[in-house]
Protein backbone atom coordinates (compact mmCIF):
# COMPACT_ATOMS: atom_id res chain seq x y z
CA MET A 1 3.70 2.60 3.12
CA GLU A 2 4.06 1.52 6.66
CA SER A 3 6.92 4.38 7.52
CA ILE A 4 4.78 7.02 5.72
CA SER A 5 1.35 6.38 7.21
CA GLN A 6 2.49 5.81 10.70
CA ARG A 7 5.01 8.52 10.94
CA HIS A 8 3.10 11.51 9.23
CA PRO A 9 5.78 13.10 7.37
CA PHE A 10 3.24 15.20 5.45
CA VAL A 11 0.43 17.62 6.92
CA ASP A 12 -2.28 15.73 4.66
CA GLY A 13 -2.33 12.75 2.57
CA ASN A 14 -0.04 10.30 4.47
CA LYS A 15 -2.01 7.26 3.78
CA ARG A 16 -2.65 8.00 0.19
CA THR A 17 1.04 8.80 -0.40
CA GLY A 18 1.94 5.63 1.31
CA LEU A 19 -0.20 3.37 -0.98
CA LEU A 20 0.98 5.11 -3.96
CA ALA A 21 4.50 4.76 -2.90
CA ALA A 22 3.96 0.88 -2.53
CA ALA A 23 2.00 0.69 -5.92
CA PHE A 24 4.78 2.65 -7.39
CA SER A 25 7.36 0.22 -6.08
CA LEU A 26 5.46 -2.67 -7.31
CA GLY A 27 5.46 -0.98 -10.73
CA LEU A 28 9.10 -0.84 -10.71
CA GLU A 29 9.21 -4.37 -9.94
CA GLY A 30 6.85 -5.38 -12.97
CA TYR A 31 3.71 -5.84 -10.81
CA THR A 32 0.36 -3.94 -10.92
CA LEU A 33 -1.68 -3.46 -7.65
CA VAL A 34 -5.33 -4.65 -8.52
CA ALA A 35 -7.56 -3.85 -5.68
CA SER A 36 -10.90 -1.80 -5.53
CA GLN A 37 -10.68 1.51 -4.18
CA GLN A 38 -12.65 0.55 -1.04
CA GLU A 39 -10.12 -2.26 -0.40
CA GLU A 40 -7.14 0.34 -0.70
CA ILE A 41 -8.73 2.70 1.70
CA ASP A 42 -9.42 -0.07 4.02
CA ILE A 43 -5.72 -1.40 3.91
CA ALA A 44 -4.45 2.24 4.26
CA VAL A 45 -6.20 2.65 7.41
CA LYS A 46 -5.20 -0.54 8.89
CA VAL A 47 -1.62 0.07 8.22
CA ALA A 48 -1.84 3.65 9.84
CA GLU A 49 -3.64 2.39 12.77
CA HIS A 50 -1.17 -0.41 13.55
CA GLN A 51 -3.76 -2.81 12.80
CA LEU A 52 -1.47 -4.67 10.25
CA ASP A 53 2.16 -5.08 10.44
CA VAL A 54 4.54 -5.04 7.53
CA GLU A 55 4.30 -9.01 6.86
CA GLY A 56 0.57 -8.62 6.87
CA PHE A 57 0.78 -5.66 4.45
CA ALA A 58 3.27 -7.67 2.36
CA LYS A 59 0.82 -10.62 2.14
CA TRP A 60 -2.02 -8.44 1.09
CA LEU A 61 0.22 -6.91 -1.47
CA LYS A 62 0.96 -10.24 -2.92
CA GLU A 63 -2.62 -11.45 -2.87
CA ASN A 64 -3.70 -8.12 -4.69
CA SER A 65 -0.77 -7.72 -7.37
CA LEU A 66 -0.50 -9.17 -10.86
CA ALA A 67 2.50 -9.30 -12.93
CA GLN A 68 2.67 -7.05 -15.91
CA SER A 69 2.51 -8.53 -19.34
CA THR A 70 5.50 -7.33 -21.53
C-alpha cells in the first residue's frame, strides 16, 4: 500500500488501489480486513501523506483483520 499510495503510479485512485492491494494480500493469507469505510479512508490518507510508516500500517492491519473461518 505504501508504495502505490506514495509513488502515484496511476493518474487517479492510488490510495484506493493501495488499500485494495493490502486487503487482497490479507485475503491470500486467510485474513479479512474489518474496518469501517471511514477508517479505511483515514488510514489511506495517513499512509499517502507520510503520516504513518510501514510498521504503523502493519500494526493497523493486525488490529483491523480477522482470520477467515474455513
